[in-house]
N, C-alpha and C. Protein backbone atom coordinates (compact mmCIF):
# COMPACT_ATOMS: atom_id res chain seq x y z
N UNK A 1 133.52 92.66 -18.02
CA UNK A 1 133.33 92.68 -16.63
C UNK A 1 132.63 91.69 -15.73
N UNK A 2 131.44 91.05 -16.09
CA UNK A 2 131.39 89.76 -15.37
C UNK A 2 131.97 88.96 -15.49
N UNK A 3 133.04 88.55 -15.91
CA UNK A 3 133.69 87.53 -15.86
C UNK A 3 135.02 87.74 -15.04
N UNK A 4 135.05 89.08 -15.28
CA UNK A 4 136.83 89.54 -14.14
C UNK A 4 136.03 89.65 -12.84
N UNK A 5 134.95 90.34 -12.61
CA UNK A 5 134.52 90.22 -11.20
C UNK A 5 133.83 88.77 -10.83
N UNK A 6 133.42 88.12 -11.42
CA UNK A 6 132.86 86.82 -11.11
C UNK A 6 134.30 86.02 -10.66
N UNK A 7 135.29 85.90 -11.39
CA UNK A 7 136.31 85.28 -10.86
C UNK A 7 137.32 85.65 -9.63
N UNK A 8 137.08 87.40 -9.61
CA UNK A 8 137.66 88.17 -8.45
C UNK A 8 136.82 87.74 -6.78
N UNK A 9 135.43 87.57 -7.62
CA UNK A 9 134.76 87.80 -6.45
C UNK A 9 134.52 86.04 -5.65
N UNK A 10 135.12 85.33 -6.97
CA UNK A 10 135.13 83.46 -6.49
C UNK A 10 136.40 83.78 -5.67
N UNK A 11 137.27 84.39 -5.85
CA UNK A 11 138.22 84.05 -4.91
C UNK A 11 137.96 84.70 -3.16
N UNK A 12 137.96 86.17 -3.27
CA UNK A 12 137.29 86.61 -2.30
C UNK A 12 136.40 86.26 -1.65
N UNK A 13 135.51 85.23 -2.08
CA UNK A 13 134.61 84.50 -1.44
C UNK A 13 134.82 83.58 -0.58
N UNK A 14 135.80 82.35 -1.53
CA UNK A 14 136.34 81.42 -0.88
C UNK A 14 137.46 82.16 0.55
N UNK A 15 138.16 82.88 0.18
CA UNK A 15 138.94 83.35 1.28
C UNK A 15 137.88 83.80 3.05
N UNK A 16 136.95 84.49 2.55
CA UNK A 16 136.11 85.06 3.32
C UNK A 16 135.39 84.32 3.87
N UNK A 17 135.19 82.65 3.10
CA UNK A 17 134.04 81.88 3.57
C UNK A 17 135.13 81.14 4.66
N UNK A 18 136.34 80.81 4.66
CA UNK A 18 137.77 80.50 5.32
C UNK A 18 137.96 81.20 6.33
N UNK A 19 137.50 82.60 6.22
CA UNK A 19 138.06 82.93 7.30
C UNK A 19 136.89 83.00 8.48
N UNK A 20 135.99 82.99 7.96
CA UNK A 20 134.28 82.97 8.74
C UNK A 20 134.51 81.37 9.37
N UNK A 21 134.82 80.38 9.15
CA UNK A 21 135.07 79.13 9.50
C UNK A 21 136.14 78.75 10.72
N UNK A 22 137.22 79.94 10.83
CA UNK A 22 138.15 79.54 11.20
C UNK A 22 137.94 80.71 12.50
N UNK A 23 138.67 79.86 13.53
CA UNK A 23 138.99 79.94 15.00
C UNK A 23 139.26 81.06 15.33
N UNK A 24 140.16 81.89 15.06
CA UNK A 24 140.68 83.36 15.20
C UNK A 24 139.81 84.19 15.17
N UNK A 25 139.96 84.87 15.95
CA UNK A 25 139.01 86.29 15.82
C UNK A 25 139.47 87.41 14.78
N UNK A 26 140.55 86.76 14.85
CA UNK A 26 141.52 88.01 13.98
C UNK A 26 140.96 88.00 12.64
N UNK A 27 140.78 86.85 12.25
CA UNK A 27 140.14 86.68 10.97
C UNK A 27 138.81 86.44 10.51
N UNK A 28 138.37 86.21 11.53
CA UNK A 28 136.74 85.59 11.40
C UNK A 28 136.15 86.98 11.52
N UNK A 29 136.19 87.93 12.54
CA UNK A 29 135.38 89.50 12.36
C UNK A 29 136.07 90.77 11.22
N UNK A 30 136.59 90.40 10.66
CA UNK A 30 137.18 91.20 9.66
C UNK A 30 136.14 90.78 8.63
N UNK A 31 136.33 89.19 8.41
CA UNK A 31 135.52 88.69 7.02
C UNK A 31 133.68 89.01 7.47
N UNK A 32 133.61 88.79 8.81
CA UNK A 32 132.03 89.06 9.30
C UNK A 32 131.63 90.65 8.87
N UNK A 33 132.22 91.46 9.32
CA UNK A 33 131.99 92.66 9.10
C UNK A 33 131.83 93.06 7.24
N UNK A 34 132.74 92.47 7.06
CA UNK A 34 132.86 92.66 5.14
C UNK A 34 131.35 92.33 4.63
N UNK A 35 131.34 90.85 4.78
CA UNK A 35 130.05 89.91 4.40
C UNK A 35 128.50 90.89 5.01
N UNK A 36 129.03 91.15 5.77
CA UNK A 36 127.59 92.03 6.75
C UNK A 36 127.12 93.36 5.96
N UNK A 37 128.34 94.13 5.46
CA UNK A 37 128.42 95.18 4.84
C UNK A 37 127.91 95.69 3.31
N UNK A 38 128.76 94.18 2.75
CA UNK A 38 128.17 94.20 1.52
C UNK A 38 127.16 93.61 1.02
N UNK A 39 126.68 92.49 1.90
CA UNK A 39 125.53 92.02 1.79
C UNK A 39 123.85 92.98 2.15
N UNK A 40 124.25 93.52 2.83
CA UNK A 40 123.23 94.36 3.89
C UNK A 40 123.27 95.79 3.02
N UNK A 41 123.89 96.38 2.06
CA UNK A 41 124.03 97.54 1.53
C UNK A 41 123.37 97.21 0.21
N UNK A 42 122.75 98.28 -1.02
CA UNK A 42 122.40 98.22 -2.46
C UNK A 42 124.14 97.95 -2.88
N UNK A 43 123.91 97.37 -4.23
CA UNK A 43 125.50 97.58 -4.85
C UNK A 43 125.08 98.98 -5.58
N UNK A 44 124.01 99.96 -5.66
CA UNK A 44 124.34 101.33 -6.65
C UNK A 44 124.86 102.01 -5.28
N UNK A 45 124.62 101.80 -4.59
CA UNK A 45 125.35 102.29 -2.97
C UNK A 45 126.74 102.17 -3.08
N UNK A 46 126.99 100.82 -3.30
CA UNK A 46 128.35 100.46 -2.84
C UNK A 46 129.25 101.10 -4.56
N UNK A 47 128.91 100.87 -5.44
CA UNK A 47 129.75 101.75 -6.70
C UNK A 47 129.74 102.98 -6.78
N UNK A 48 128.52 104.02 -6.20
CA UNK A 48 128.74 105.42 -5.93
C UNK A 48 129.80 105.55 -4.89
N UNK A 49 129.88 104.84 -3.77
CA UNK A 49 130.63 105.49 -2.43
C UNK A 49 132.07 104.91 -2.83
N UNK A 50 132.30 103.51 -4.00
CA UNK A 50 133.76 103.31 -4.44
C UNK A 50 134.26 104.39 -5.26
N UNK A 51 133.11 104.90 -6.56
CA UNK A 51 133.88 105.80 -7.44
C UNK A 51 133.70 107.18 -7.08
N UNK A 52 132.98 107.45 -6.26
CA UNK A 52 132.98 108.90 -6.03
C UNK A 52 134.32 109.23 -4.52
N UNK A 53 133.82 108.15 -3.65
CA UNK A 53 134.00 108.01 -2.43
C UNK A 53 135.80 107.75 -2.29
N UNK A 54 136.24 106.72 -3.22
CA UNK A 54 137.88 106.83 -3.55
C UNK A 54 138.72 108.00 -3.31
N UNK A 55 138.27 108.49 -4.10
CA UNK A 55 138.81 109.73 -4.53
C UNK A 55 138.95 110.93 -3.40
N UNK A 56 137.76 111.06 -2.80
CA UNK A 56 138.48 111.63 -1.58
C UNK A 56 139.11 111.05 0.03
N UNK A 57 138.99 109.90 -0.14
CA UNK A 57 139.76 109.49 0.89
C UNK A 57 141.39 109.09 0.66
N UNK A 58 141.91 108.84 -0.25
CA UNK A 58 143.23 109.09 -0.98
C UNK A 58 143.96 109.83 -1.24
N UNK A 59 144.93 110.35 -0.96
CA UNK A 59 145.57 112.01 -1.29
C UNK A 59 146.14 111.69 -2.83
N UNK A 60 144.90 112.48 -3.52
CA UNK A 60 145.29 113.14 -4.75
C UNK A 60 146.62 113.20 -5.50
N UNK A 61 147.66 113.69 -5.20
CA UNK A 61 148.97 113.74 -5.55
C UNK A 61 149.38 112.42 -5.21
N UNK A 62 149.05 111.59 -4.09
CA UNK A 62 150.15 110.17 -4.03
C UNK A 62 149.42 109.16 -5.24
N UNK A 63 147.91 109.21 -5.50
CA UNK A 63 147.60 108.51 -6.44
C UNK A 63 148.28 108.54 -7.84
N UNK A 64 148.43 110.07 -8.00
CA UNK A 64 148.60 110.45 -9.42
C UNK A 64 150.20 109.73 -9.53
N UNK A 65 151.31 110.09 -8.84
CA UNK A 65 152.59 109.29 -8.56
C UNK A 65 152.65 107.87 -7.70
N UNK A 66 151.67 107.16 -8.13
CA UNK A 66 151.28 105.41 -7.78
C UNK A 66 151.42 104.75 -8.96
N UNK A 67 151.59 103.26 -8.74
CA UNK A 67 151.34 102.68 -9.25
C UNK A 67 149.49 102.44 -10.14
N UNK A 68 148.46 102.86 -8.64
CA UNK A 68 147.15 102.81 -9.23
C UNK A 68 146.60 103.47 -9.73
N UNK A 69 147.60 104.54 -10.27
CA UNK A 69 146.56 105.86 -11.23
C UNK A 69 146.44 105.34 -12.70
N UNK A 70 147.24 104.07 -13.24
CA UNK A 70 146.55 104.07 -14.88
C UNK A 70 144.87 103.32 -14.68
N UNK A 71 144.64 102.76 -12.97
CA UNK A 71 143.65 102.10 -12.88
C UNK A 71 142.38 103.28 -12.35
N UNK A 72 143.10 104.00 -11.72
CA UNK A 72 142.02 104.38 -10.70
C UNK A 72 141.73 106.21 -11.87
N UNK A 73 142.05 106.56 -12.69
CA UNK A 73 141.50 107.30 -13.66
C UNK A 73 140.49 106.65 -15.15
N UNK A 74 140.08 105.43 -14.54
CA UNK A 74 139.08 104.82 -15.51
C UNK A 74 138.25 104.13 -14.57
N UNK A 75 136.80 104.39 -15.31
CA UNK A 75 135.72 104.59 -14.00
C UNK A 75 135.67 102.59 -14.31
N UNK A 76 136.31 101.85 -15.39
CA UNK A 76 135.54 100.29 -15.55
C UNK A 76 136.61 100.03 -14.24
N UNK A 77 137.48 100.00 -13.63
CA UNK A 77 138.38 99.25 -12.95
C UNK A 77 137.80 99.71 -11.02
N UNK A 78 136.67 101.04 -11.00
CA UNK A 78 135.98 101.12 -10.23
C UNK A 78 134.58 99.83 -10.04
N UNK A 79 133.92 99.61 -10.94
CA UNK A 79 132.90 99.23 -11.46
C UNK A 79 133.33 97.50 -11.20
N UNK A 80 134.52 96.97 -11.34
CA UNK A 80 135.10 96.17 -11.03
C UNK A 80 135.63 95.43 -9.76
N UNK A 81 135.76 96.35 -9.31
CA UNK A 81 136.23 96.24 -7.52
C UNK A 81 135.21 96.47 -7.10
N UNK A 82 134.19 97.46 -7.28
CA UNK A 82 132.36 97.13 -6.42
C UNK A 82 132.16 95.73 -6.30
N UNK A 83 132.00 95.55 -7.84
CA UNK A 83 131.11 93.92 -8.18
C UNK A 83 131.94 92.90 -7.74
N UNK A 84 133.16 92.87 -7.62
CA UNK A 84 134.06 92.21 -7.49
C UNK A 84 133.96 91.91 -5.44
N UNK A 85 133.30 92.99 -4.92
CA UNK A 85 133.32 92.95 -3.59
C UNK A 85 131.95 92.46 -3.07
N UNK A 86 130.88 92.74 -3.95
CA UNK A 86 129.62 92.29 -3.54
C UNK A 86 129.31 91.17 -3.75
N UNK A 87 129.98 90.47 -5.14
CA UNK A 87 129.62 88.93 -5.24
C UNK A 87 130.50 88.19 -4.60
N UNK A 88 131.76 88.40 -3.93
CA UNK A 88 132.41 87.84 -2.96
C UNK A 88 131.55 87.68 -1.57
N UNK A 89 131.16 88.96 -1.45
CA UNK A 89 130.56 88.89 0.23
C UNK A 89 129.46 87.69 -0.02
N UNK A 90 128.62 87.84 -0.96
CA UNK A 90 127.46 86.95 -1.01
C UNK A 90 128.26 85.33 -1.62
N UNK A 91 129.46 85.34 -2.42
CA UNK A 91 129.68 83.85 -2.20
C UNK A 91 130.48 83.21 -1.15
N UNK A 92 130.63 83.93 0.00
CA UNK A 92 131.49 83.89 0.88
C UNK A 92 130.57 82.97 2.00
N UNK A 93 129.00 83.30 2.18
CA UNK A 93 128.19 82.53 2.90
C UNK A 93 127.59 81.31 2.16
N UNK A 94 128.00 81.51 0.64
CA UNK A 94 127.44 80.11 0.15
C UNK A 94 128.48 79.07 0.22
N UNK A 95 129.48 79.75 0.17
CA UNK A 95 130.32 78.78 0.14
C UNK A 95 130.66 78.56 1.72
N UNK A 96 130.60 79.01 2.46
CA UNK A 96 130.78 78.55 3.92
C UNK A 96 129.37 77.47 4.37
N UNK A 97 128.30 77.73 3.80
CA UNK A 97 127.37 76.94 4.08
C UNK A 97 127.51 75.77 3.53
N UNK A 98 128.24 75.12 2.58
CA UNK A 98 128.91 74.01 1.36
C UNK A 98 129.75 73.55 2.22
N UNK A 99 130.40 74.31 3.05
CA UNK A 99 131.97 73.68 3.55
C UNK A 99 131.45 73.11 5.00
N UNK A 100 130.49 73.99 5.36
CA UNK A 100 129.83 73.02 6.83
C UNK A 100 128.94 72.02 6.49
N UNK A 101 128.08 71.87 4.97
CA UNK A 101 127.76 70.43 5.19
C UNK A 101 128.37 69.42 4.82
N UNK A 102 129.47 69.51 4.15
CA UNK A 102 130.04 68.22 4.54
C UNK A 102 130.16 67.67 5.23
N UNK A 103 130.16 66.37 5.35
CA UNK A 103 129.97 65.01 6.39
C UNK A 103 131.40 65.25 7.25
N UNK A 104 131.38 65.16 8.41
CA UNK A 104 132.58 65.25 9.45
C UNK A 104 132.88 63.64 9.08
N UNK A 105 132.73 62.84 8.93
CA UNK A 105 133.60 61.85 8.23
C UNK A 105 134.65 61.45 7.26
N UNK A 106 134.05 62.51 6.39
CA UNK A 106 135.17 62.31 5.45
C UNK A 106 136.40 62.76 5.52
N UNK A 107 136.05 64.11 6.19
CA UNK A 107 137.61 64.90 6.91
C UNK A 107 138.03 63.93 7.81
N UNK A 108 137.58 63.20 8.63
CA UNK A 108 138.00 62.37 9.52
C UNK A 108 138.78 61.36 9.05
N UNK A 109 138.07 60.86 7.65
CA UNK A 109 138.90 59.52 6.96
C UNK A 109 140.17 60.26 6.29
N UNK A 110 140.04 61.47 5.89
CA UNK A 110 141.12 62.27 5.24
C UNK A 110 142.44 62.08 6.29
N UNK A 111 141.94 62.74 7.31
CA UNK A 111 143.07 62.28 8.44
C UNK A 111 143.71 61.57 8.82
N UNK A 112 142.67 60.10 9.01
CA UNK A 112 143.22 58.89 9.52
C UNK A 112 144.27 58.35 8.32
N UNK A 113 144.38 58.75 6.95
CA UNK A 113 145.39 57.99 6.26
C UNK A 113 146.89 59.28 6.17
N UNK A 114 146.42 60.62 6.60
CA UNK A 114 147.73 61.02 7.21
C UNK A 114 148.11 62.13 6.09
N UNK A 115 146.69 62.53 5.41
CA UNK A 115 147.02 64.20 4.88
C UNK A 115 146.71 64.78 5.69
N UNK A 116 147.37 65.95 5.40
CA UNK A 116 147.57 67.58 6.20
C UNK A 116 146.54 68.62 5.94
N UNK A 117 146.30 69.27 6.90
CA UNK A 117 145.29 70.18 6.59
C UNK A 117 144.84 70.88 5.62
N UNK A 118 146.34 71.37 5.06
CA UNK A 118 145.88 72.19 3.95
C UNK A 118 145.72 71.38 2.66
N UNK A 119 146.62 70.15 2.77
CA UNK A 119 145.89 69.15 1.61
C UNK A 119 144.46 68.87 1.41
N UNK A 120 143.96 68.45 2.54
CA UNK A 120 142.69 68.03 2.60
C UNK A 120 142.17 69.03 2.45
N UNK A 121 142.13 70.29 2.94
CA UNK A 121 141.44 71.87 1.95
C UNK A 121 141.27 72.16 0.51
N UNK A 122 142.13 71.37 -0.10
CA UNK A 122 142.96 71.75 -1.39
C UNK A 122 142.02 70.21 -1.79
N UNK A 123 142.13 69.16 -1.41
CA UNK A 123 141.74 68.09 -2.37
C UNK A 123 140.06 67.45 -2.05
N UNK A 124 139.81 67.57 -0.50
CA UNK A 124 138.41 66.92 -0.44
C UNK A 124 137.67 68.24 -0.28
N UNK A 125 138.33 69.56 1.02
CA UNK A 125 136.73 70.36 1.33
C UNK A 125 136.31 71.36 0.35
N UNK A 126 137.17 71.74 -0.58
CA UNK A 126 137.11 72.90 -1.57
C UNK A 126 136.21 72.33 -2.75
N UNK A 127 136.73 70.90 -3.22
CA UNK A 127 136.02 70.64 -4.10
C UNK A 127 134.71 69.93 -4.15
N UNK A 128 134.56 69.13 -2.41
CA UNK A 128 133.00 68.90 -2.55
C UNK A 128 132.19 70.00 -2.10
N UNK A 129 132.59 71.24 -1.67
CA UNK A 129 131.68 72.41 -1.57
C UNK A 129 131.53 72.91 -2.82
N UNK A 130 132.45 72.83 -3.61
CA UNK A 130 131.92 73.38 -4.87
C UNK A 130 130.81 73.05 -5.75
N UNK A 131 131.27 71.68 -5.51
CA UNK A 131 130.26 70.69 -5.99
C UNK A 131 128.68 70.66 -5.57
N UNK A 132 128.66 71.07 -4.15
CA UNK A 132 127.80 70.99 -3.79
C UNK A 132 126.86 72.45 -3.58
N UNK A 133 127.35 73.55 -3.97
CA UNK A 133 127.28 74.71 -4.21
C UNK A 133 127.24 75.50 -5.67
N UNK A 134 127.79 75.02 -6.57
CA UNK A 134 127.80 75.04 -8.13
C UNK A 134 126.14 75.75 -8.54
N UNK A 135 125.28 75.39 -8.41
CA UNK A 135 123.74 76.07 -8.70
C UNK A 135 123.40 77.03 -7.92
N UNK A 136 123.69 77.50 -6.61
CA UNK A 136 123.51 78.50 -6.30
C UNK A 136 124.84 79.93 -6.81
N UNK A 137 125.75 79.10 -7.32
CA UNK A 137 127.08 80.02 -7.51
C UNK A 137 126.73 80.64 -9.07
N UNK A 138 126.06 79.64 -9.98
CA UNK A 138 125.55 79.64 -10.77
C UNK A 138 124.81 80.80 -11.01
N UNK A 139 123.42 81.16 -10.12
CA UNK A 139 122.34 81.91 -9.56
C UNK A 139 123.00 83.01 -9.87
N UNK A 140 124.07 83.13 -8.48
CA UNK A 140 125.16 84.36 -8.25
C UNK A 140 125.26 85.03 -9.34
N UNK A 141 125.89 84.42 -10.19
CA UNK A 141 126.89 84.60 -11.18
C UNK A 141 125.77 85.56 -12.59
N UNK A 142 124.47 84.84 -12.63
CA UNK A 142 123.33 85.24 -13.49
C UNK A 142 122.97 86.74 -13.10
N UNK A 143 122.84 86.81 -11.62
CA UNK A 143 122.34 88.12 -10.91
C UNK A 143 123.51 89.17 -11.26
N UNK A 144 125.23 88.60 -10.90
CA UNK A 144 126.20 89.65 -11.14
C UNK A 144 125.81 90.27 -12.73
N UNK A 145 125.76 89.05 -13.73
CA UNK A 145 125.87 89.45 -14.76
C UNK A 145 125.05 90.76 -15.43
N UNK A 146 123.61 90.40 -14.93
CA UNK A 146 122.29 91.73 -15.19
C UNK A 146 122.64 92.92 -13.87
N UNK A 147 123.44 92.46 -13.15
CA UNK A 147 123.80 93.73 -12.12
C UNK A 147 124.95 95.02 -13.13
N UNK A 148 125.61 93.76 -13.82
CA UNK A 148 126.84 94.99 -14.48
C UNK A 148 125.95 96.21 -15.10
N UNK A 149 124.39 96.05 -15.24
CA UNK A 149 123.75 97.09 -16.02
C UNK A 149 124.05 98.99 -14.95
N UNK A 150 124.30 98.23 -13.96
CA UNK A 150 124.24 99.53 -13.00
C UNK A 150 125.82 100.49 -13.08
N UNK A 151 126.45 99.83 -13.75
CA UNK A 151 128.23 100.54 -14.24
C UNK A 151 127.69 101.35 -14.91
N UNK A 152 126.84 101.33 -16.22
CA UNK A 152 126.73 102.56 -16.78
C UNK A 152 126.05 103.78 -15.96
N UNK A 153 125.60 103.86 -14.57
CA UNK A 153 125.77 104.99 -13.50
C UNK A 153 126.60 105.77 -13.68
N UNK A 154 127.86 104.64 -13.64
CA UNK A 154 129.18 105.15 -13.29
C UNK A 154 130.12 105.58 -14.71
N UNK A 155 129.33 106.11 -15.61
CA UNK A 155 129.88 106.33 -17.01
C UNK A 155 130.50 105.09 -17.64
N UNK A 156 130.22 103.90 -17.44
CA UNK A 156 131.05 103.09 -17.85
C UNK A 156 130.12 102.19 -18.81
N UNK A 157 130.89 101.96 -20.37
CA UNK A 157 129.87 101.83 -21.83
C UNK A 157 129.64 100.51 -21.52
N UNK A 158 128.89 99.85 -21.03
CA UNK A 158 128.80 98.61 -20.95
C UNK A 158 126.97 98.56 -21.75
N UNK A 159 126.62 97.43 -21.67
CA UNK A 159 125.16 96.84 -22.18
C UNK A 159 124.00 98.24 -22.56
N UNK A 160 123.75 98.54 -21.16
CA UNK A 160 123.19 99.97 -20.90
C UNK A 160 123.47 100.56 -21.21
N UNK A 161 124.77 101.01 -20.62
CA UNK A 161 125.25 102.78 -21.22
C UNK A 161 125.37 102.96 -22.47
N UNK A 162 125.31 101.83 -23.82
CA UNK A 162 125.46 101.88 -25.35
C UNK A 162 124.13 101.50 -25.55
N UNK A 163 123.24 100.95 -24.60
CA UNK A 163 121.79 101.52 -25.19
C UNK A 163 121.53 103.21 -25.34
N UNK A 164 121.77 103.56 -23.86
CA UNK A 164 121.11 104.48 -24.00
C UNK A 164 121.99 105.56 -24.54
N UNK A 165 123.53 105.28 -25.06
CA UNK A 165 124.10 106.60 -26.47
C UNK A 165 123.14 106.13 -27.37
N UNK A 166 123.12 104.77 -27.85
CA UNK A 166 121.77 104.73 -28.98
C UNK A 166 121.13 105.57 -29.03
N UNK A 167 120.29 105.83 -27.85
CA UNK A 167 118.50 106.38 -27.47
C UNK A 167 118.83 107.80 -27.99
N UNK A 168 120.10 108.22 -27.49
CA UNK A 168 120.46 110.01 -27.42
C UNK A 168 120.81 109.92 -29.55
N UNK A 169 121.70 109.18 -29.88
CA UNK A 169 121.95 109.58 -31.13
C UNK A 169 121.06 109.24 -31.88
N UNK A 170 120.42 108.18 -31.88
CA UNK A 170 119.30 108.04 -33.27
C UNK A 170 117.27 108.44 -32.53
N UNK A 171 117.42 108.60 -31.40
CA UNK A 171 115.96 109.43 -30.68
C UNK A 171 115.12 107.91 -30.84
N UNK A 172 115.55 106.95 -30.73
CA UNK A 172 114.39 105.86 -30.50
C UNK A 172 114.64 105.40 -29.33
N UNK A 173 113.49 104.99 -28.49
CA UNK A 173 113.51 104.72 -27.29
C UNK A 173 113.23 103.35 -26.84
N UNK A 174 112.79 102.34 -27.65
CA UNK A 174 112.10 101.25 -27.46
C UNK A 174 113.15 100.06 -27.68
N UNK A 175 113.78 100.58 -29.18
CA UNK A 175 114.65 99.85 -29.43
C UNK A 175 115.57 99.23 -29.36
N UNK A 176 117.07 100.18 -28.78
CA UNK A 176 117.73 99.96 -27.85
C UNK A 176 117.71 99.49 -26.48
N UNK A 177 116.75 99.51 -25.88
CA UNK A 177 116.27 98.68 -24.91
C UNK A 177 115.91 97.22 -24.84
N UNK A 178 115.15 97.22 -26.55
CA UNK A 178 114.43 95.82 -26.38
C UNK A 178 116.15 94.98 -27.04
N UNK A 179 116.72 95.43 -27.85
CA UNK A 179 118.30 94.84 -28.52
C UNK A 179 118.73 94.40 -26.69
N UNK A 180 119.08 95.56 -25.51
CA UNK A 180 119.80 95.24 -25.13
C UNK A 180 119.55 94.01 -23.89
N UNK A 181 117.85 94.04 -23.86
CA UNK A 181 117.16 92.77 -23.44
C UNK A 181 117.55 91.73 -23.68
N UNK A 182 117.61 91.43 -25.12
CA UNK A 182 117.79 90.34 -26.13
C UNK A 182 119.41 89.49 -25.84
N UNK A 183 119.99 90.67 -25.81
CA UNK A 183 121.57 90.52 -25.20
C UNK A 183 121.47 89.42 -24.37
N UNK A 184 120.88 90.63 -23.52
CA UNK A 184 121.37 89.71 -21.98
C UNK A 184 120.52 88.71 -21.63
N UNK A 185 119.32 88.07 -22.30
CA UNK A 185 118.88 87.27 -22.35
C UNK A 185 119.43 85.67 -23.21
N UNK A 186 119.94 86.52 -23.69
CA UNK A 186 120.99 85.46 -24.93
C UNK A 186 122.04 84.98 -24.09
N UNK A 187 122.79 86.14 -23.65
CA UNK A 187 124.37 85.96 -22.63
C UNK A 187 123.64 84.51 -21.91
N UNK A 188 122.27 85.12 -20.81
CA UNK A 188 122.29 84.20 -19.60
C UNK A 188 121.92 82.85 -19.91
N UNK A 189 121.23 82.75 -21.09
CA UNK A 189 120.95 81.43 -21.76
C UNK A 189 122.28 80.86 -21.90
N UNK A 190 123.39 81.18 -22.58
CA UNK A 190 124.28 80.43 -22.79
C UNK A 190 125.09 80.07 -21.68
N UNK A 191 125.57 80.84 -20.74
CA UNK A 191 125.82 80.99 -19.40
C UNK A 191 125.10 79.92 -18.58
N UNK A 192 123.43 79.69 -18.54
CA UNK A 192 123.36 79.11 -17.91
C UNK A 192 123.72 77.02 -18.22
N UNK A 193 123.21 77.09 -19.69
CA UNK A 193 123.48 75.90 -20.23
C UNK A 193 125.41 75.25 -19.93
N UNK A 194 126.18 76.60 -20.33
CA UNK A 194 127.78 76.28 -19.93
C UNK A 194 127.61 75.42 -18.17
N UNK A 195 127.25 76.66 -17.43
CA UNK A 195 127.25 76.04 -16.43
C UNK A 195 126.34 74.56 -15.52
N UNK A 196 125.66 74.53 -16.43
CA UNK A 196 124.32 72.90 -16.41
C UNK A 196 125.79 71.75 -16.73
N UNK A 197 126.58 72.20 -17.92
CA UNK A 197 127.75 71.66 -18.32
C UNK A 197 128.53 71.02 -17.42
N UNK A 198 129.12 72.25 -16.51
CA UNK A 198 129.88 72.07 -15.59
C UNK A 198 129.55 71.13 -14.64
N UNK A 199 128.28 71.33 -13.89
CA UNK A 199 127.75 70.53 -12.95
C UNK A 199 127.67 69.09 -13.24
N UNK A 200 127.84 68.46 -14.37
CA UNK A 200 127.54 67.29 -14.69
C UNK A 200 129.04 66.80 -14.44
């Protein structure tokens, strides 16, 4: 769940950051509204609205006969969608700030040797921006990992959902929660070490 939402959120965030920096209002305003809403509302509310709300908005007959049905009948994809949108909104502001911090001279140097705008974006701007904001992106990814526990509220059997199921079946209150906490801590520790290695 974390890996999928993290990758999709990074894509959403990068595209939204570029849209926010664009001079086109057609691109800038939708990106601004998206980031403003998803950064300004709780993730739990977003999960509920997407899980319970999409079924009310989209016509049921059309959904059942569309390619979306295999995904929309599984709560996992609602969780992935909500977490990706939330993560993307936060990533957008981080990446936007990193792009703006790149010295103008480096962009001008790339232009002076005949590089196109797209090539500059691909070879200069984005690599430098990701290098600058990697620590913040790592922190956001760790927050995302811990936020996946909220997916249990929409029937997803992730770590917390499994812990609650064990509580009911074994009548033990603390042991499943302690095990879940240890598992989260272990994964966060490993993820932090990996991201520290990537930063080097």
